[in-house]
Amino acid sequence: MGDVSVLRLIFLTSLLIYTTYQGDSVSLCMRVRLTVNPNSSQFFKEKSLSLSCEGAENSAGWTLRRSTLEGQTHCGETWGRWSNSSCKISMTLPWDSGVYWCESREGPISNMVNLTVTGGSVILQSPVLPVMEGDDVTLLCKTKTTPSNLPAAFYKDGSLIRKHCSAPRLWNSLTPDIRNIGFLPQFKSKIKTHLFKSAY
């Protein structure tokens, strides 16, 4: 084994020991993450949702905080009910829109999640947590009334990317050259070719 390989092995071992056994905020932050149920970043008003600090070993040491137009507050203060590392909001309202995170008494925080509550009739249902390039992403236009089968147009950065009935779309199954087309006739042509090749 060469000197470079030994140095890499020592470095990786040290890094593993450092991240596993340290008691500071970096270690705690990596163990706790905020999840949202149902898994969506947009909600209709007057619905319920639950936010959980997953991985919190001692729920007494953690709380859920948020930053909204009303300022920074924690679950149970003027909103939500805190129990067993989870916060339940029984009736969402537009002023519940904001950034949410888990925080310990010692200072470390979890990932942050941006939630939007609307009084409108349509929302874009998408995953709460960030996705990596190449991951499948399902986007859904959802209406307050069921079933949600209205015609919908999907836009990315102001450009039309797809026009269809609202249904889950596995957008990342398309190649980047198709996803990045901003001109509808060209998109239709490319998607037809793509679907034909996929089918045969």
C-alpha atoms as a PDB file:
ATOM      1  CA  MET A   1       0.000   0.000   0.000  1.00  0.00           C
ATOM      2  CA  GLY A   2       1.469   3.371  -1.022  1.00  0.00           C
ATOM      3  CA  ASP A   3       1.998   6.385   1.241  1.00  0.00           C
ATOM      4  CA  VAL A   4      -0.909   8.221  -0.398  1.00  0.00           C
ATOM      5  CA  SER A   5      -3.276   5.288   0.243  1.00  0.00           C
ATOM      6  CA  VAL A   6      -2.211   5.088   3.896  1.00  0.00           C
ATOM      7  CA  LEU A   7      -2.763   8.846   4.327  1.00  0.00           C
ATOM      8  CA  ARG A   8      -6.200   8.570   2.752  1.00  0.00           C
ATOM      9  CA  LEU A   9      -7.077   5.668   5.054  1.00  0.00           C
ATOM     10  CA  ILE A  10      -5.903   7.605   8.142  1.00  0.00           C
ATOM     11  CA  PHE A  11      -7.852  10.675   7.012  1.00  0.00           C
ATOM     12  CA  LEU A  12     -11.069   8.706   6.412  1.00  0.00           C
ATOM     13  CA  THR A  13     -10.716   6.864   9.743  1.00  0.00           C
ATOM     14  CA  SER A  14     -10.174  10.171  11.582  1.00  0.00           C
ATOM     15  CA  LEU A  15     -13.154  11.705   9.831  1.00  0.00           C
ATOM     16  CA  LEU A  16     -15.336   8.737  10.775  1.00  0.00           C
ATOM     17  CA  ILE A  17     -14.254   8.894  14.420  1.00  0.00           C
ATOM     18  CA  TYR A  18     -14.729  12.686  14.508  1.00  0.00           C
ATOM     19  CA  THR A  19     -18.274  12.602  13.103  1.00  0.00           C
ATOM     20  CA  THR A  20     -19.305   9.533  15.136  1.00  0.00           C
ATOM     21  CA  TYR A  21     -18.102  10.456  18.622  1.00  0.00           C
ATOM     22  CA  GLN A  22     -18.084  14.205  18.848  1.00  0.00           C
ATOM     23  CA  GLY A  23     -20.770  15.732  21.038  1.00  0.00           C
ATOM     24  CA  ASP A  24     -21.023  19.120  19.375  1.00  0.00           C
ATOM     25  CA  SER A  25     -23.626  20.585  17.045  1.00  0.00           C
ATOM     26  CA  VAL A  26     -22.338  19.012  13.832  1.00  0.00           C
ATOM     27  CA  SER A  27     -22.840  15.490  15.167  1.00  0.00           C
ATOM     28  CA  LEU A  28     -26.261  16.264  16.653  1.00  0.00           C
ATOM     29  CA  CYS A  29     -27.416  18.071  13.554  1.00  0.00           C
ATOM     30  CA  MET A  30     -26.584  15.096  11.336  1.00  0.00           C
ATOM     31  CA  ARG A  31     -28.642  12.753  13.544  1.00  0.00           C
ATOM     32  CA  VAL A  32     -31.851  14.818  13.662  1.00  0.00           C
ATOM     33  CA  ARG A  33     -33.966  15.721  10.667  1.00  0.00           C
ATOM     34  CA  LEU A  34     -37.341  17.378  10.269  1.00  0.00           C
ATOM     35  CA  THR A  35     -40.023  15.426   8.405  1.00  0.00           C
ATOM     36  CA  VAL A  36     -43.517  16.535   7.400  1.00  0.00           C
ATOM     37  CA  ASN A  37     -46.622  14.369   7.136  1.00  0.00           C
ATOM     38  CA  PRO A  38     -48.243  14.491   4.619  1.00  0.00           C
ATOM     39  CA  ASN A  39     -45.044  14.859   2.567  1.00  0.00           C
ATOM     40  CA  SER A  40     -45.747  18.146   0.794  1.00  0.00           C
ATOM     41  CA  SER A  41     -44.436  21.685   0.869  1.00  0.00           C
ATOM     42  CA  GLN A  42     -47.831  23.280   0.083  1.00  0.00           C
ATOM     43  CA  PHE A  43     -51.092  22.865   1.997  1.00  0.00           C
ATOM     44  CA  PHE A  44     -54.650  24.095   1.784  1.00  0.00           C
ATOM     45  CA  LYS A  45     -55.877  26.102   4.749  1.00  0.00           C
ATOM     46  CA  GLU A  46     -57.907  24.322   7.428  1.00  0.00           C
ATOM     47  CA  LYS A  47     -56.048  21.008   6.979  1.00  0.00           C
ATOM     48  CA  SER A  48     -53.925  19.170   9.553  1.00  0.00           C
ATOM     49  CA  LEU A  49     -50.260  18.281   9.385  1.00  0.00           C
ATOM     50  CA  SER A  50     -47.583  16.830  11.629  1.00  0.00           C
ATOM     51  CA  LEU A  51     -43.913  17.826  11.835  1.00  0.00           C
ATOM     52  CA  SER A  52     -41.463  15.426  13.506  1.00  0.00           C
ATOM     53  CA  CYS A  53     -37.895  15.751  14.745  1.00  0.00           C
ATOM     54  CA  GLU A  54     -36.712  12.284  13.722  1.00  0.00           C
ATOM     55  CA  GLY A  55     -33.664  10.854  15.445  1.00  0.00           C
ATOM     56  CA  ALA A  56     -34.007  13.042  18.542  1.00  0.00           C
ATOM     57  CA  GLU A  57     -32.814  10.754  21.356  1.00  0.00           C
ATOM     58  CA  ASN A  58     -34.164  12.989  24.087  1.00  0.00           C
ATOM     59  CA  SER A  59     -37.349  14.781  23.064  1.00  0.00           C
ATOM     60  CA  ALA A  60     -37.080  17.031  26.123  1.00  0.00           C
ATOM     61  CA  GLY A  61     -33.963  18.589  24.633  1.00  0.00           C
ATOM     62  CA  TRP A  62     -35.513  19.432  21.260  1.00  0.00           C
ATOM     63  CA  THR A  63     -38.277  21.725  20.078  1.00  0.00           C
ATOM     64  CA  LEU A  64     -39.765  22.701  16.737  1.00  0.00           C
ATOM     65  CA  ARG A  65     -39.319  26.329  15.760  1.00  0.00           C
ATOM     66  CA  ARG A  66     -40.572  28.390  12.867  1.00  0.00           C
ATOM     67  CA  SER A  67     -40.015  31.764  11.275  1.00  0.00           C
ATOM     68  CA  THR A  68     -43.126  33.400   9.772  1.00  0.00           C
ATOM     69  CA  LEU A  69     -44.325  36.954   9.168  1.00  0.00           C
ATOM     70  CA  GLU A  70     -45.200  36.990  12.888  1.00  0.00           C
ATOM     71  CA  GLY A  71     -41.569  36.308  13.857  1.00  0.00           C
ATOM     72  CA  GLN A  72     -39.774  33.287  15.378  1.00  0.00           C
ATOM     73  CA  THR A  73     -41.776  31.090  17.756  1.00  0.00           C
ATOM     74  CA  HIS A  74     -41.782  27.472  18.917  1.00  0.00           C
ATOM     75  CA  CYS A  75     -44.465  24.768  18.760  1.00  0.00           C
ATOM     76  CA  GLY A  76     -46.889  25.016  21.662  1.00  0.00           C
ATOM     77  CA  GLU A  77     -46.261  28.723  22.228  1.00  0.00           C
ATOM     78  CA  THR A  78     -49.117  30.164  20.130  1.00  0.00           C
ATOM     79  CA  TRP A  79     -49.535  27.389  17.555  1.00  0.00           C
ATOM     80  CA  GLY A  80     -49.426  23.577  17.359  1.00  0.00           C
ATOM     81  CA  ARG A  81     -49.280  20.881  20.047  1.00  0.00           C
ATOM     82  CA  TRP A  82     -45.867  19.384  20.973  1.00  0.00           C
ATOM     83  CA  SER A  83     -45.709  15.706  22.000  1.00  0.00           C
ATOM     84  CA  ASN A  84     -43.029  12.989  21.661  1.00  0.00           C
ATOM     85  CA  SER A  85     -40.736  14.955  19.309  1.00  0.00           C
ATOM     86  CA  SER A  86     -43.663  15.876  17.032  1.00  0.00           C
ATOM     87  CA  CYS A  87     -45.757  18.981  16.538  1.00  0.00           C
ATOM     88  CA  LYS A  88     -49.331  18.651  15.303  1.00  0.00           C
ATOM     89  CA  ILE A  89     -51.042  21.587  13.636  1.00  0.00           C
ATOM     90  CA  SER A  90     -54.714  20.645  13.615  1.00  0.00           C
ATOM     91  CA  MET A  91     -55.927  23.476  11.365  1.00  0.00           C
ATOM     92  CA  THR A  92     -53.493  25.174   8.994  1.00  0.00           C
ATOM     93  CA  LEU A  93     -53.973  28.849   8.162  1.00  0.00           C
ATOM     94  CA  PRO A  94     -52.118  31.097   5.675  1.00  0.00           C
ATOM     95  CA  TRP A  95     -50.046  32.686   8.485  1.00  0.00           C
ATOM     96  CA  ASP A  96     -48.595  29.214   9.190  1.00  0.00           C
ATOM     97  CA  SER A  97     -46.528  29.684   5.998  1.00  0.00           C
ATOM     98  CA  GLY A  98     -42.832  29.934   6.796  1.00  0.00           C
ATOM     99  CA  VAL A  99     -39.582  28.118   7.525  1.00  0.00           C
ATOM    100  CA  TYR A 100     -39.597  25.287  10.115  1.00  0.00           C
ATOM    101  CA  TRP A 101     -36.713  23.467  11.859  1.00  0.00           C
ATOM    102  CA  CYS A 102     -35.881  21.367  14.931  1.00  0.00           C
ATOM    103  CA  GLU A 103     -33.599  22.953  17.515  1.00  0.00           C
ATOM    104  CA  SER A 104     -31.936  21.626  20.668  1.00  0.00           C
ATOM    105  CA  ARG A 105     -31.261  23.506  23.903  1.00  0.00           C
ATOM    106  CA  GLU A 106     -27.546  23.251  23.149  1.00  0.00           C
ATOM    107  CA  GLY A 107     -27.995  25.149  19.889  1.00  0.00           C
ATOM    108  CA  PRO A 108     -27.761  22.705  16.958  1.00  0.00           C
ATOM    109  CA  ILE A 109     -30.546  22.683  14.403  1.00  0.00           C
ATOM    110  CA  SER A 110     -31.894  20.192  11.861  1.00  0.00           C
ATOM    111  CA  ASN A 111     -32.592  20.746   8.182  1.00  0.00           C
ATOM    112  CA  MET A 112     -34.968  23.613   7.406  1.00  0.00           C
ATOM    113  CA  VAL A 113     -38.265  23.144   5.576  1.00  0.00           C
ATOM    114  CA  ASN A 114     -40.245  25.870   3.804  1.00  0.00           C
ATOM    115  CA  LEU A 115     -44.029  25.333   4.026  1.00  0.00           C
ATOM    116  CA  THR A 116     -46.773  27.330   2.301  1.00  0.00           C
ATOM    117  CA  VAL A 117     -50.448  27.384   3.318  1.00  0.00           C
ATOM    118  CA  THR A 118     -52.904  28.840   0.809  1.00  0.00           C
ATOM    119  CA  GLY A 119     -56.554  29.790   0.769  1.00  0.00           C
ATOM    120  CA  GLY A 120     -56.608  29.172  -2.986  1.00  0.00           C
ATOM    121  CA  SER A 121     -58.240  26.251  -4.783  1.00  0.00           C
ATOM    122  CA  VAL A 122     -55.112  24.627  -6.352  1.00  0.00           C
ATOM    123  CA  ILE A 123     -51.693  23.702  -4.943  1.00  0.00           C
ATOM    124  CA  LEU A 124     -48.579  22.133  -6.449  1.00  0.00           C
ATOM    125  CA  GLN A 125     -47.848  19.046  -4.390  1.00  0.00           C
ATOM    126  CA  SER A 126     -44.117  18.334  -4.353  1.00  0.00           C
ATOM    127  CA  PRO A 127     -41.687  16.698  -1.908  1.00  0.00           C
ATOM    128  CA  VAL A 128     -40.732  18.699   1.171  1.00  0.00           C
ATOM    129  CA  LEU A 129     -37.075  17.732   1.315  1.00  0.00           C
ATOM    130  CA  PRO A 130     -34.633  18.616  -1.466  1.00  0.00           C
ATOM    131  CA  VAL A 131     -34.007  15.969  -4.110  1.00  0.00           C
ATOM    132  CA  MET A 132     -30.722  15.106  -5.783  1.00  0.00           C
ATOM    133  CA  GLU A 133     -30.099  15.429  -9.501  1.00  0.00           C
ATOM    134  CA  GLY A 134     -31.307  12.277 -11.219  1.00  0.00           C
ATOM    135  CA  ASP A 135     -33.860  11.395  -8.518  1.00  0.00           C
ATOM    136  CA  ASP A 136     -37.460  10.804  -9.594  1.00  0.00           C
ATOM    137  CA  VAL A 137     -39.769  13.663  -8.594  1.00  0.00           C
ATOM    138  CA  THR A 138     -43.540  13.463  -8.648  1.00  0.00           C
ATOM    139  CA  LEU A 139     -45.375  16.742  -9.153  1.00  0.00           C
ATOM    140  CA  LEU A 140     -49.128  16.908  -8.737  1.00  0.00           C
ATOM    141  CA  CYS A 141     -51.586  19.748  -9.180  1.00  0.00           C
ATOM    142  CA  LYS A 142     -54.118  19.134  -6.432  1.00  0.00           C
ATOM    143  CA  THR A 143     -57.506  20.790  -6.000  1.00  0.00           C
ATOM    144  CA  LYS A 144     -59.481  21.242  -2.812  1.00  0.00           C
ATOM    145  CA  THR A 145     -62.226  19.047  -4.229  1.00  0.00           C
ATOM    146  CA  THR A 146     -61.651  15.450  -5.221  1.00  0.00           C
ATOM    147  CA  PRO A 147     -60.894  14.040  -7.701  1.00  0.00           C
ATOM    148  CA  SER A 148     -58.196  16.408  -8.913  1.00  0.00           C
ATOM    149  CA  ASN A 149     -58.407  15.903 -12.663  1.00  0.00           C
ATOM    150  CA  LEU A 150     -58.340  19.443 -13.999  1.00  0.00           C
ATOM    151  CA  PRO A 151     -56.194  20.398 -17.012  1.00  0.00           C
ATOM    152  CA  ALA A 152     -52.897  21.834 -15.789  1.00  0.00           C
ATOM    153  CA  ALA A 153     -49.781  23.436 -17.226  1.00  0.00           C
ATOM    154  CA  PHE A 154     -46.425  22.911 -15.482  1.00  0.00           C
ATOM    155  CA  TYR A 155     -43.883  25.744 -15.562  1.00  0.00           C
ATOM    156  CA  LYS A 156     -40.216  25.874 -14.570  1.00  0.00           C
ATOM    157  CA  ASP A 157     -38.546  29.276 -14.173  1.00  0.00           C
ATOM    158  CA  GLY A 158     -41.421  30.906 -16.103  1.00  0.00           C
ATOM    159  CA  SER A 159     -41.209  28.534 -19.081  1.00  0.00           C
ATOM    160  CA  LEU A 160     -43.872  25.976 -19.935  1.00  0.00           C
ATOM    161  CA  ILE A 161     -42.521  22.466 -19.459  1.00  0.00           C
ATOM    162  CA  ARG A 162     -45.647  20.321 -19.765  1.00  0.00           C
ATOM    163  CA  LYS A 163     -49.361  20.715 -20.396  1.00  0.00           C
ATOM    164  CA  HIS A 164     -51.637  17.858 -19.385  1.00  0.00           C
ATOM    165  CA  CYS A 165     -54.293  16.686 -16.952  1.00  0.00           C
ATOM    166  CA  SER A 166     -53.049  16.885 -13.404  1.00  0.00           C
ATOM    167  CA  ALA A 167     -51.515  13.553 -12.522  1.00  0.00           C
ATOM    168  CA  PRO A 168     -48.180  12.517 -11.069  1.00  0.00           C
ATOM    169  CA  ARG A 169     -45.307  13.263 -13.440  1.00  0.00           C
ATOM    170  CA  LEU A 170     -41.999  11.456 -13.268  1.00  0.00           C
ATOM    171  CA  TRP A 171     -40.159  14.459 -14.605  1.00  0.00           C
ATOM    172  CA  ASN A 172     -36.637  13.175 -14.025  1.00  0.00           C
ATOM    173  CA  SER A 173     -37.237  10.102 -16.177  1.00  0.00           C
ATOM    174  CA  LEU A 174     -36.880  12.472 -19.133  1.00  0.00           C
ATOM    175  CA  THR A 175     -33.445  13.305 -20.489  1.00  0.00           C
ATOM    176  CA  PRO A 176     -32.084  16.813 -19.703  1.00  0.00           C
ATOM    177  CA  ASP A 177     -32.270  17.850 -23.379  1.00  0.00           C
ATOM    178  CA  ILE A 178     -36.059  17.252 -23.254  1.00  0.00           C
ATOM    179  CA  ARG A 179     -36.576  18.783 -19.782  1.00  0.00           C
ATOM    180  CA  ASN A 180     -34.792  22.000 -20.750  1.00  0.00           C
ATOM    181  CA  ILE A 181     -36.823  22.765 -23.909  1.00  0.00           C
ATOM    182  CA  GLY A 182     -38.726  26.031 -23.470  1.00  0.00           C
ATOM    183  CA  PHE A 183     -40.670  25.908 -26.746  1.00  0.00           C
ATOM    184  CA  LEU A 184     -43.885  23.807 -26.657  1.00  0.00           C
ATOM    185  CA  PRO A 185     -43.935  22.488 -30.278  1.00  0.00           C
ATOM    186  CA  GLN A 186     -40.311  21.370 -29.976  1.00  0.00           C
ATOM    187  CA  PHE A 187     -41.080  19.771 -26.582  1.00  0.00           C
ATOM    188  CA  LYS A 188     -44.041  17.860 -28.104  1.00  0.00           C
ATOM    189  CA  SER A 189     -41.874  16.571 -30.941  1.00  0.00           C
ATOM    190  CA  LYS A 190     -39.059  15.439 -28.633  1.00  0.00           C
ATOM    191  CA  ILE A 191     -41.412  13.810 -26.111  1.00  0.00           C
ATOM    192  CA  LYS A 192     -43.190  11.851 -28.885  1.00  0.00           C
ATOM    193  CA  THR A 193     -39.834  10.529 -30.090  1.00  0.00           C
ATOM    194  CA  HIS A 194     -38.802   9.700 -26.514  1.00  0.00           C
ATOM    195  CA  LEU A 195     -42.052   7.861 -25.756  1.00  0.00           C
ATOM    196  CA  PHE A 196     -41.909   5.962 -29.069  1.00  0.00           C
ATOM    197  CA  LYS A 197     -38.330   4.791 -28.358  1.00  0.00           C
ATOM    198  CA  SER A 198     -39.319   3.803 -24.810  1.00  0.00           C
ATOM    199  CA  ALA A 199     -42.265   1.744 -26.039  1.00  0.00           C
ATOM    200  CA  TYR A 200     -40.440  -0.102 -28.842  1.00  0.00           C
END
